[in-house]
Amino acid sequence: FLIAATLLITYDIRFSQIPLLGNVVVALCVALSFIFGAFCFSEPNPPIYFLSLLAFLSTLGREIAKDVEDMEADFGIRKTLPMIIGKQKALYMAFFFIIFPVLLSPIPFLWLNIFYSLVFIADAIFLWASYLLFHDVKSSTKWIKWAQLIAVLAFVLGSFRQLP
């Protein structure tokens, strides 16, 4: 909790001004929310850490895509990753961070119940959003949010113990 609180407090003051580090801080805080939630019920376990990793990666991809989307508005205010490495390279980074969790998403079936299969709907939306990255970034970031919402639902429903 102290780590997350410190990150959130210093994010606006300093981290948001450092390209990529600000994106990582936001993604880390999202990932930590899964671990915090697990502590409410029990000790976090390997599946929770893995789901946190998936959340971290997809959020990092979305944050980078949002920086591309906001490039014009950020010009002169702050320096973002796309301004330093270029829009196209930033989009490829975002693409990687969105696609990689899709490739890893079947692994939690080792621990979770059948309701986790909702993640395949999220995966399909992530794939669509990844395609859109190179055609309509604004639309892509909206689709990523929907995919993340469905993925969280899959994580939660898939985590319930099966009744006898």
C-alpha atoms as a PDB file:
ATOM      1  CA  PHE A   1       0.000   0.000   0.000  1.00  0.00           C
ATOM      2  CA  LEU A   2       2.775   2.412   0.893  1.00  0.00           C
ATOM      3  CA  ILE A   3       4.501   1.782  -2.428  1.00  0.00           C
ATOM      4  CA  ALA A   4       1.301   2.451  -4.389  1.00  0.00           C
ATOM      5  CA  ALA A   5       0.444   5.534  -2.337  1.00  0.00           C
ATOM      6  CA  THR A   6       3.933   6.942  -2.834  1.00  0.00           C
ATOM      7  CA  LEU A   7       3.782   6.249  -6.566  1.00  0.00           C
ATOM      8  CA  LEU A   8       0.403   7.949  -6.885  1.00  0.00           C
ATOM      9  CA  ILE A   9       1.467  10.991  -4.905  1.00  0.00           C
ATOM     10  CA  THR A  10       4.706  11.438  -6.838  1.00  0.00           C
ATOM     11  CA  TYR A  11       3.172  10.544 -10.205  1.00  0.00           C
ATOM     12  CA  ASP A  12       1.599  13.942 -10.768  1.00  0.00           C
ATOM     13  CA  ILE A  13       4.537  15.819  -9.290  1.00  0.00           C
ATOM     14  CA  ARG A  14       7.332  14.068 -11.147  1.00  0.00           C
ATOM     15  CA  PHE A  15       6.694  10.719 -12.864  1.00  0.00           C
ATOM     16  CA  SER A  16       4.152  11.996 -15.386  1.00  0.00           C
ATOM     17  CA  GLN A  17       6.916  14.208 -16.781  1.00  0.00           C
ATOM     18  CA  ILE A  18       9.319  11.317 -17.411  1.00  0.00           C
ATOM     19  CA  PRO A  19       8.630   9.489 -20.674  1.00  0.00           C
ATOM     20  CA  LEU A  20       7.661   5.832 -20.220  1.00  0.00           C
ATOM     21  CA  LEU A  21       8.231   5.934 -16.446  1.00  0.00           C
ATOM     22  CA  GLY A  22       4.883   7.679 -15.954  1.00  0.00           C
ATOM     23  CA  ASN A  23       3.224   4.981 -18.072  1.00  0.00           C
ATOM     24  CA  VAL A  24       4.899   2.260 -16.024  1.00  0.00           C
ATOM     25  CA  VAL A  25       3.751   3.861 -12.756  1.00  0.00           C
ATOM     26  CA  VAL A  26       0.115   3.950 -13.917  1.00  0.00           C
ATOM     27  CA  ALA A  27       0.287   0.337 -15.127  1.00  0.00           C
ATOM     28  CA  LEU A  28       1.950  -0.750 -11.885  1.00  0.00           C
ATOM     29  CA  CYS A  29      -0.791   0.847  -9.784  1.00  0.00           C
ATOM     30  CA  VAL A  30      -3.438  -0.974 -11.837  1.00  0.00           C
ATOM     31  CA  ALA A  31      -1.580  -4.276 -11.405  1.00  0.00           C
ATOM     32  CA  LEU A  32      -1.195  -3.711  -7.665  1.00  0.00           C
ATOM     33  CA  SER A  33      -4.965  -3.368  -7.312  1.00  0.00           C
ATOM     34  CA  PHE A  34      -5.292  -7.098  -8.076  1.00  0.00           C
ATOM     35  CA  ILE A  35      -2.783  -7.932  -5.367  1.00  0.00           C
ATOM     36  CA  PHE A  36      -4.528  -5.603  -2.895  1.00  0.00           C
ATOM     37  CA  GLY A  37      -7.840  -7.281  -3.708  1.00  0.00           C
ATOM     38  CA  ALA A  38      -6.334 -10.702  -3.058  1.00  0.00           C
ATOM     39  CA  PHE A  39      -5.109  -9.561   0.348  1.00  0.00           C
ATOM     40  CA  CYS A  40      -8.712  -8.731   1.258  1.00  0.00           C
ATOM     41  CA  PHE A  41      -9.606 -12.422   1.021  1.00  0.00           C
ATOM     42  CA  SER A  42      -6.364 -14.324   1.550  1.00  0.00           C
ATOM     43  CA  GLU A  43      -2.716 -14.294   0.683  1.00  0.00           C
ATOM     44  CA  PRO A  44      -1.962 -13.526  -2.971  1.00  0.00           C
ATOM     45  CA  ASN A  45      -0.993 -16.646  -4.895  1.00  0.00           C
ATOM     46  CA  PRO A  46       0.693 -17.358  -8.242  1.00  0.00           C
ATOM     47  CA  PRO A  47      -2.524 -16.880 -10.268  1.00  0.00           C
ATOM     48  CA  ILE A  48      -3.043 -13.413  -8.784  1.00  0.00           C
ATOM     49  CA  TYR A  49       0.505 -12.386  -9.587  1.00  0.00           C
ATOM     50  CA  PHE A  50       0.098 -13.689 -13.126  1.00  0.00           C
ATOM     51  CA  LEU A  51      -3.210 -11.860 -13.619  1.00  0.00           C
ATOM     52  CA  SER A  52      -1.528  -8.732 -12.243  1.00  0.00           C
ATOM     53  CA  LEU A  53       1.186  -9.138 -14.858  1.00  0.00           C
ATOM     54  CA  LEU A  54      -1.414  -9.381 -17.635  1.00  0.00           C
ATOM     55  CA  ALA A  55      -3.136  -6.257 -16.303  1.00  0.00           C
ATOM     56  CA  PHE A  56       0.201  -4.443 -16.076  1.00  0.00           C
ATOM     57  CA  LEU A  57       1.176  -5.250 -19.658  1.00  0.00           C
ATOM     58  CA  SER A  58      -2.161  -4.343 -21.247  1.00  0.00           C
ATOM     59  CA  THR A  59      -2.380  -1.128 -19.223  1.00  0.00           C
ATOM     60  CA  LEU A  60       1.145  -0.169 -20.242  1.00  0.00           C
ATOM     61  CA  GLY A  61       0.161  -0.696 -23.875  1.00  0.00           C
ATOM     62  CA  ARG A  62      -2.924   1.457 -23.460  1.00  0.00           C
ATOM     63  CA  GLU A  63      -0.965   4.198 -21.689  1.00  0.00           C
ATOM     64  CA  ILE A  64       1.555   4.353 -24.524  1.00  0.00           C
ATOM     65  CA  ALA A  65      -1.286   4.438 -27.073  1.00  0.00           C
ATOM     66  CA  LYS A  66      -2.918   7.269 -25.069  1.00  0.00           C
ATOM     67  CA  ASP A  67       0.356   9.212 -25.276  1.00  0.00           C
ATOM     68  CA  VAL A  68       0.249   8.826 -29.057  1.00  0.00           C
ATOM     69  CA  GLU A  69      -3.386   9.947 -29.057  1.00  0.00           C
ATOM     70  CA  ASP A  70      -2.550  12.985 -26.900  1.00  0.00           C
ATOM     71  CA  MET A  71       0.674  13.996 -28.690  1.00  0.00           C
ATOM     72  CA  GLU A  72      -0.669  17.286 -30.045  1.00  0.00           C
ATOM     73  CA  ALA A  73      -2.244  18.291 -26.728  1.00  0.00           C
ATOM     74  CA  ASP A  74       0.953  17.420 -24.811  1.00  0.00           C
ATOM     75  CA  PHE A  75       3.266  19.345 -27.146  1.00  0.00           C
ATOM     76  CA  GLY A  76       5.025  22.066 -25.181  1.00  0.00           C
ATOM     77  CA  ILE A  77       3.576  20.829 -21.882  1.00  0.00           C
ATOM     78  CA  ARG A  78       5.449  17.579 -21.383  1.00  0.00           C
ATOM     79  CA  LYS A  79       7.720  15.235 -23.285  1.00  0.00           C
ATOM     80  CA  THR A  80       6.185  11.813 -23.940  1.00  0.00           C
ATOM     81  CA  LEU A  81       7.608   8.591 -25.319  1.00  0.00           C
ATOM     82  CA  PRO A  82       6.069   9.060 -28.793  1.00  0.00           C
ATOM     83  CA  MET A  83       7.663  12.519 -29.000  1.00  0.00           C
ATOM     84  CA  ILE A  84      11.078  11.011 -28.313  1.00  0.00           C
ATOM     85  CA  ILE A  85      11.014   7.779 -30.322  1.00  0.00           C
ATOM     86  CA  GLY A  86       8.347   8.745 -32.847  1.00  0.00           C
ATOM     87  CA  LYS A  87       4.706   7.889 -33.263  1.00  0.00           C
ATOM     88  CA  GLN A  88       5.232   4.702 -35.269  1.00  0.00           C
ATOM     89  CA  LYS A  89       7.749   3.151 -32.853  1.00  0.00           C
ATOM     90  CA  ALA A  90       5.511   4.029 -29.903  1.00  0.00           C
ATOM     91  CA  LEU A  91       2.569   2.350 -31.642  1.00  0.00           C
ATOM     92  CA  TYR A  92       4.650  -0.790 -32.159  1.00  0.00           C
ATOM     93  CA  MET A  93       5.547  -0.769 -28.445  1.00  0.00           C
ATOM     94  CA  ALA A  94       1.879  -0.363 -27.525  1.00  0.00           C
ATOM     95  CA  PHE A  95       1.018  -3.177 -29.942  1.00  0.00           C
ATOM     96  CA  PHE A  96       3.520  -5.497 -28.237  1.00  0.00           C
ATOM     97  CA  PHE A  97       2.253  -4.693 -24.739  1.00  0.00           C
ATOM     98  CA  ILE A  98      -1.334  -5.341 -25.819  1.00  0.00           C
ATOM     99  CA  ILE A  99      -0.681  -8.523 -27.813  1.00  0.00           C
ATOM    100  CA  PHE A 100       1.714 -10.207 -25.369  1.00  0.00           C
ATOM    101  CA  PRO A 101      -0.957 -10.620 -22.643  1.00  0.00           C
ATOM    102  CA  VAL A 102      -3.305 -12.087 -25.254  1.00  0.00           C
ATOM    103  CA  LEU A 103      -0.682 -14.735 -25.997  1.00  0.00           C
ATOM    104  CA  LEU A 104      -0.259 -15.426 -22.274  1.00  0.00           C
ATOM    105  CA  SER A 105      -3.981 -15.389 -21.431  1.00  0.00           C
ATOM    106  CA  PRO A 106      -4.571 -19.180 -21.713  1.00  0.00           C
ATOM    107  CA  ILE A 107      -2.060 -19.920 -18.922  1.00  0.00           C
ATOM    108  CA  PRO A 108      -4.424 -18.988 -16.027  1.00  0.00           C
ATOM    109  CA  PHE A 109      -6.684 -21.884 -17.060  1.00  0.00           C
ATOM    110  CA  LEU A 110      -4.224 -23.941 -14.979  1.00  0.00           C
ATOM    111  CA  TRP A 111      -5.691 -22.292 -11.873  1.00  0.00           C
ATOM    112  CA  LEU A 112      -9.082 -20.800 -12.745  1.00  0.00           C
ATOM    113  CA  ASN A 113     -12.526 -22.220 -13.479  1.00  0.00           C
ATOM    114  CA  ILE A 114     -14.415 -22.318 -16.789  1.00  0.00           C
ATOM    115  CA  PHE A 115     -15.826 -18.810 -16.370  1.00  0.00           C
ATOM    116  CA  TYR A 116     -12.342 -17.520 -17.075  1.00  0.00           C
ATOM    117  CA  SER A 117     -13.075 -18.416 -20.722  1.00  0.00           C
ATOM    118  CA  LEU A 118     -14.675 -14.947 -20.982  1.00  0.00           C
ATOM    119  CA  VAL A 119     -11.093 -13.837 -21.416  1.00  0.00           C
ATOM    120  CA  PHE A 120     -11.295 -15.016 -25.048  1.00  0.00           C
ATOM    121  CA  ILE A 121     -13.871 -12.306 -25.742  1.00  0.00           C
ATOM    122  CA  ALA A 122     -11.471  -9.803 -24.188  1.00  0.00           C
ATOM    123  CA  ASP A 123      -8.664 -11.257 -26.307  1.00  0.00           C
ATOM    124  CA  ALA A 124     -10.697 -10.786 -29.487  1.00  0.00           C
ATOM    125  CA  ILE A 125     -11.324  -7.153 -28.560  1.00  0.00           C
ATOM    126  CA  PHE A 126      -7.635  -6.656 -27.720  1.00  0.00           C
ATOM    127  CA  LEU A 127      -6.754  -8.042 -31.161  1.00  0.00           C
ATOM    128  CA  TRP A 128      -9.233  -5.689 -32.820  1.00  0.00           C
ATOM    129  CA  ALA A 129      -7.883  -2.753 -30.805  1.00  0.00           C
ATOM    130  CA  SER A 130      -4.327  -3.714 -31.788  1.00  0.00           C
ATOM    131  CA  TYR A 131      -5.294  -3.563 -35.437  1.00  0.00           C
ATOM    132  CA  LEU A 132      -6.965  -0.189 -34.879  1.00  0.00           C
ATOM    133  CA  LEU A 133      -3.824   1.216 -33.258  1.00  0.00           C
ATOM    134  CA  PHE A 134      -2.350   1.851 -36.685  1.00  0.00           C
ATOM    135  CA  HIS A 135      -5.570   3.250 -38.167  1.00  0.00           C
ATOM    136  CA  ASP A 136      -7.500   5.063 -35.413  1.00  0.00           C
ATOM    137  CA  VAL A 137      -5.662   5.391 -32.090  1.00  0.00           C
ATOM    138  CA  LYS A 138      -8.549   7.108 -30.311  1.00  0.00           C
ATOM    139  CA  SER A 139     -10.958   4.307 -31.176  1.00  0.00           C
ATOM    140  CA  SER A 140      -8.311   1.724 -30.270  1.00  0.00           C
ATOM    141  CA  THR A 141      -7.843   3.077 -26.742  1.00  0.00           C
ATOM    142  CA  LYS A 142     -11.607   2.948 -26.181  1.00  0.00           C
ATOM    143  CA  TRP A 143     -11.755  -0.674 -27.334  1.00  0.00           C
ATOM    144  CA  ILE A 144      -8.819  -1.507 -25.060  1.00  0.00           C
ATOM    145  CA  LYS A 145     -10.812  -0.201 -22.075  1.00  0.00           C
ATOM    146  CA  TRP A 146     -13.725  -2.496 -23.006  1.00  0.00           C
ATOM    147  CA  ALA A 147     -11.349  -5.434 -23.374  1.00  0.00           C
ATOM    148  CA  GLN A 148      -9.830  -4.691 -19.981  1.00  0.00           C
ATOM    149  CA  LEU A 149     -13.265  -4.545 -18.370  1.00  0.00           C
ATOM    150  CA  ILE A 150     -14.203  -7.940 -19.811  1.00  0.00           C
ATOM    151  CA  ALA A 151     -10.802  -9.362 -18.820  1.00  0.00           C
ATOM    152  CA  VAL A 152     -11.329  -8.213 -15.221  1.00  0.00           C
ATOM    153  CA  LEU A 153     -14.754  -9.860 -15.261  1.00  0.00           C
ATOM    154  CA  ALA A 154     -13.108 -13.061 -16.528  1.00  0.00           C
ATOM    155  CA  PHE A 155     -10.483 -12.816 -13.772  1.00  0.00           C
ATOM    156  CA  VAL A 156     -13.117 -12.377 -11.062  1.00  0.00           C
ATOM    157  CA  LEU A 157     -15.590 -14.987 -12.274  1.00  0.00           C
ATOM    158  CA  GLY A 158     -12.795 -17.426 -13.051  1.00  0.00           C
ATOM    159  CA  SER A 159     -11.426 -17.072  -9.518  1.00  0.00           C
ATOM    160  CA  PHE A 160     -14.540 -18.326  -7.724  1.00  0.00           C
ATOM    161  CA  ARG A 161     -14.200 -21.793  -6.308  1.00  0.00           C
ATOM    162  CA  GLN A 162     -16.450 -24.324  -7.969  1.00  0.00           C
ATOM    163  CA  LEU A 163     -19.276 -25.526  -5.769  1.00  0.00           C
ATOM    164  CA  PRO A 164     -19.566 -29.313  -5.199  1.00  0.00           C
END
